[in-house]
Amino acid sequence: MERLLNERQAAELLGISARHLHTLRKRGEVPYIRLGGRVLYAPEALQRWIERRLQAAEAAPSESAAQ
């Protein structure tokens, strides 16, 4: 099992600000766990989340094709 990441580490891994990651978490858009009052992120869960988002983007019709 990989080490769990705190919010700053997870944001760095995703290439976004910690504030934006916090917003995504509050919206229920990104996977996380609470452990002893701390919010932590599993790198493998974040990777799967990214892959699902990429697949959804690839499946969506492109905006340029609609014009």
N, C-alpha and C. Protein backbone atom coordinates (compact mmCIF):
# COMPACT_ATOMS: atom_id res chain seq x y z
N MET A 1 0.85 -1.18 0.00
CA MET A 1 0.00 0.00 0.00
C MET A 1 0.89 1.24 0.00
N GLU A 2 0.52 2.19 -0.84
CA GLU A 2 1.28 3.44 -0.89
C GLU A 2 0.94 4.32 0.30
N ARG A 3 1.86 5.20 0.60
CA ARG A 3 1.67 6.17 1.68
C ARG A 3 0.53 7.12 1.35
N LEU A 4 -0.28 7.46 2.32
CA LEU A 4 -1.36 8.42 2.11
C LEU A 4 -0.79 9.82 2.10
N LEU A 5 -1.41 10.69 1.31
CA LEU A 5 -0.95 12.06 1.14
C LEU A 5 -1.84 13.04 1.88
N ASN A 6 -1.23 14.11 2.40
CA ASN A 6 -2.05 15.18 2.97
C ASN A 6 -2.52 16.07 1.82
N GLU A 7 -3.29 17.09 2.13
CA GLU A 7 -3.88 17.93 1.08
C GLU A 7 -2.84 18.63 0.22
N ARG A 8 -1.79 19.14 0.84
CA ARG A 8 -0.74 19.83 0.09
C ARG A 8 -0.03 18.87 -0.87
N GLN A 9 0.30 17.69 -0.38
CA GLN A 9 0.98 16.69 -1.20
C GLN A 9 0.11 16.22 -2.36
N ALA A 10 -1.17 15.98 -2.07
CA ALA A 10 -2.10 15.53 -3.11
C ALA A 10 -2.29 16.61 -4.17
N ALA A 11 -2.40 17.85 -3.74
CA ALA A 11 -2.55 18.96 -4.69
C ALA A 11 -1.32 19.06 -5.58
N GLU A 12 -0.15 18.89 -5.00
CA GLU A 12 1.09 18.93 -5.78
C GLU A 12 1.12 17.80 -6.80
N LEU A 13 0.70 16.61 -6.39
CA LEU A 13 0.65 15.46 -7.29
C LEU A 13 -0.29 15.73 -8.47
N LEU A 14 -1.42 16.39 -8.19
CA LEU A 14 -2.41 16.68 -9.23
C LEU A 14 -2.07 17.94 -10.04
N GLY A 15 -1.14 18.73 -9.55
CA GLY A 15 -0.77 19.95 -10.26
C GLY A 15 -1.79 21.07 -10.10
N ILE A 16 -2.46 21.09 -8.94
CA ILE A 16 -3.45 22.13 -8.66
C ILE A 16 -3.14 22.73 -7.29
N SER A 17 -3.80 23.81 -6.96
CA SER A 17 -3.59 24.42 -5.65
C SER A 17 -4.31 23.61 -4.57
N ALA A 18 -3.81 23.72 -3.35
CA ALA A 18 -4.47 23.04 -2.23
C ALA A 18 -5.88 23.59 -2.04
N ARG A 19 -6.08 24.85 -2.32
CA ARG A 19 -7.41 25.47 -2.20
C ARG A 19 -8.39 24.85 -3.19
N HIS A 20 -7.92 24.62 -4.43
CA HIS A 20 -8.79 24.01 -5.44
C HIS A 20 -9.10 22.56 -5.06
N LEU A 21 -8.12 21.84 -4.56
CA LEU A 21 -8.35 20.47 -4.11
C LEU A 21 -9.37 20.45 -2.98
N HIS A 22 -9.26 21.38 -2.07
CA HIS A 22 -10.23 21.50 -0.97
C HIS A 22 -11.64 21.70 -1.53
N THR A 23 -11.77 22.56 -2.53
CA THR A 23 -13.06 22.81 -3.16
C THR A 23 -13.60 21.54 -3.82
N LEU A 24 -12.75 20.83 -4.53
CA LEU A 24 -13.16 19.57 -5.17
C LEU A 24 -13.63 18.56 -4.13
N ARG A 25 -12.92 18.50 -3.00
CA ARG A 25 -13.31 17.58 -1.93
C ARG A 25 -14.65 17.96 -1.34
N LYS A 26 -14.87 19.24 -1.09
CA LYS A 26 -16.14 19.69 -0.53
C LYS A 26 -17.31 19.40 -1.47
N ARG A 27 -17.07 19.45 -2.77
CA ARG A 27 -18.10 19.14 -3.77
C ARG A 27 -18.31 17.63 -3.94
N GLY A 28 -17.45 16.83 -3.32
CA GLY A 28 -17.54 15.38 -3.45
C GLY A 28 -17.00 14.86 -4.76
N GLU A 29 -16.12 15.62 -5.40
CA GLU A 29 -15.62 15.25 -6.72
C GLU A 29 -14.33 14.44 -6.69
N VAL A 30 -13.61 14.47 -5.59
CA VAL A 30 -12.32 13.79 -5.53
C VAL A 30 -12.33 12.81 -4.35
N PRO A 31 -11.72 11.62 -4.52
CA PRO A 31 -11.73 10.62 -3.45
C PRO A 31 -10.77 10.99 -2.32
N TYR A 32 -11.23 10.79 -1.09
CA TYR A 32 -10.40 11.06 0.09
C TYR A 32 -10.89 10.20 1.24
N ILE A 33 -10.10 10.16 2.29
CA ILE A 33 -10.53 9.47 3.50
C ILE A 33 -10.23 10.37 4.70
N ARG A 34 -10.99 10.16 5.75
CA ARG A 34 -10.72 10.84 7.02
C ARG A 34 -10.14 9.80 7.97
N LEU A 35 -9.05 10.16 8.59
CA LEU A 35 -8.40 9.24 9.52
C LEU A 35 -7.93 10.06 10.72
N GLY A 36 -8.56 9.82 11.86
CA GLY A 36 -8.20 10.55 13.06
C GLY A 36 -8.38 12.05 12.92
N GLY A 37 -9.41 12.46 12.20
CA GLY A 37 -9.67 13.89 12.01
C GLY A 37 -8.86 14.53 10.90
N ARG A 38 -7.97 13.76 10.28
CA ARG A 38 -7.16 14.28 9.18
C ARG A 38 -7.78 13.87 7.86
N VAL A 39 -7.67 14.73 6.85
CA VAL A 39 -8.11 14.42 5.50
C VAL A 39 -6.89 13.93 4.73
N LEU A 40 -6.99 12.72 4.18
CA LEU A 40 -5.87 12.11 3.47
C LEU A 40 -6.33 11.59 2.11
N TYR A 41 -5.38 11.45 1.21
CA TYR A 41 -5.66 11.02 -0.16
C TYR A 41 -4.75 9.85 -0.51
N ALA A 42 -5.32 8.83 -1.12
CA ALA A 42 -4.55 7.68 -1.58
C ALA A 42 -4.10 7.94 -3.01
N PRO A 43 -2.79 7.90 -3.27
CA PRO A 43 -2.31 8.18 -4.63
C PRO A 43 -2.96 7.30 -5.70
N GLU A 44 -3.18 6.01 -5.40
CA GLU A 44 -3.78 5.12 -6.41
C GLU A 44 -5.24 5.51 -6.68
N ALA A 45 -5.96 5.99 -5.68
CA ALA A 45 -7.34 6.44 -5.88
C ALA A 45 -7.37 7.72 -6.71
N LEU A 46 -6.40 8.60 -6.48
CA LEU A 46 -6.31 9.83 -7.28
C LEU A 46 -6.00 9.49 -8.73
N GLN A 47 -5.12 8.51 -8.95
CA GLN A 47 -4.78 8.10 -10.31
C GLN A 47 -6.01 7.55 -11.03
N ARG A 48 -6.79 6.72 -10.36
CA ARG A 48 -8.02 6.18 -10.97
C ARG A 48 -9.00 7.31 -11.26
N TRP A 49 -9.11 8.30 -10.37
CA TRP A 49 -9.99 9.45 -10.56
C TRP A 49 -9.57 10.22 -11.82
N ILE A 50 -8.27 10.44 -11.99
CA ILE A 50 -7.76 11.13 -13.18
C ILE A 50 -8.10 10.34 -14.43
N GLU A 51 -7.88 9.03 -14.40
CA GLU A 51 -8.15 8.18 -15.57
C GLU A 51 -9.62 8.22 -15.96
N ARG A 52 -10.53 8.20 -14.97
CA ARG A 52 -11.96 8.28 -15.27
C ARG A 52 -12.31 9.61 -15.91
N ARG A 53 -11.72 10.68 -15.41
CA ARG A 53 -11.98 12.01 -15.97
C ARG A 53 -11.46 12.11 -17.41
N LEU A 54 -10.31 11.51 -17.67
CA LEU A 54 -9.75 11.53 -19.02
C LEU A 54 -10.64 10.73 -19.98
N GLN A 55 -11.12 9.58 -19.53
CA GLN A 55 -11.99 8.76 -20.37
C GLN A 55 -13.29 9.49 -20.66
N ALA A 56 -13.84 10.17 -19.67
CA ALA A 56 -15.08 10.92 -19.87
C ALA A 56 -14.85 12.06 -20.86
N ALA A 57 -13.71 12.72 -20.77
CA ALA A 57 -13.40 13.83 -21.68
C ALA A 57 -13.23 13.31 -23.11
N GLU A 58 -12.62 12.15 -23.26
CA GLU A 58 -12.42 11.57 -24.59
C GLU A 58 -13.74 11.11 -25.19
N ALA A 59 -14.68 10.67 -24.37
CA ALA A 59 -15.96 10.17 -24.86
C ALA A 59 -16.92 11.30 -25.21
N ALA A 60 -16.71 12.48 -24.60
CA ALA A 60 -17.60 13.63 -24.87
C ALA A 60 -17.33 14.17 -26.26
N PRO A 61 -18.40 14.59 -26.96
CA PRO A 61 -18.18 15.19 -28.28
C PRO A 61 -17.37 16.48 -28.14
N SER A 62 -16.45 16.67 -29.07
CA SER A 62 -15.62 17.89 -28.99
C SER A 62 -16.44 19.11 -29.38
N GLU A 63 -16.08 20.24 -28.81
CA GLU A 63 -16.80 21.49 -29.08
C GLU A 63 -16.60 21.92 -30.52
N SER A 64 -15.40 21.69 -31.06
CA SER A 64 -15.13 22.12 -32.43
C SER A 64 -15.93 21.30 -33.44
N ALA A 65 -16.24 20.05 -33.12
CA ALA A 65 -17.02 19.21 -34.03
C ALA A 65 -18.48 19.66 -34.07
N ALA A 66 -18.93 20.28 -32.99
CA ALA A 66 -20.32 20.72 -32.92
C ALA A 66 -20.54 22.03 -33.68
N GLN A 67 -19.48 22.72 -34.00
CA GLN A 67 -19.64 24.03 -34.67
C GLN A 67 -19.68 23.91 -36.15
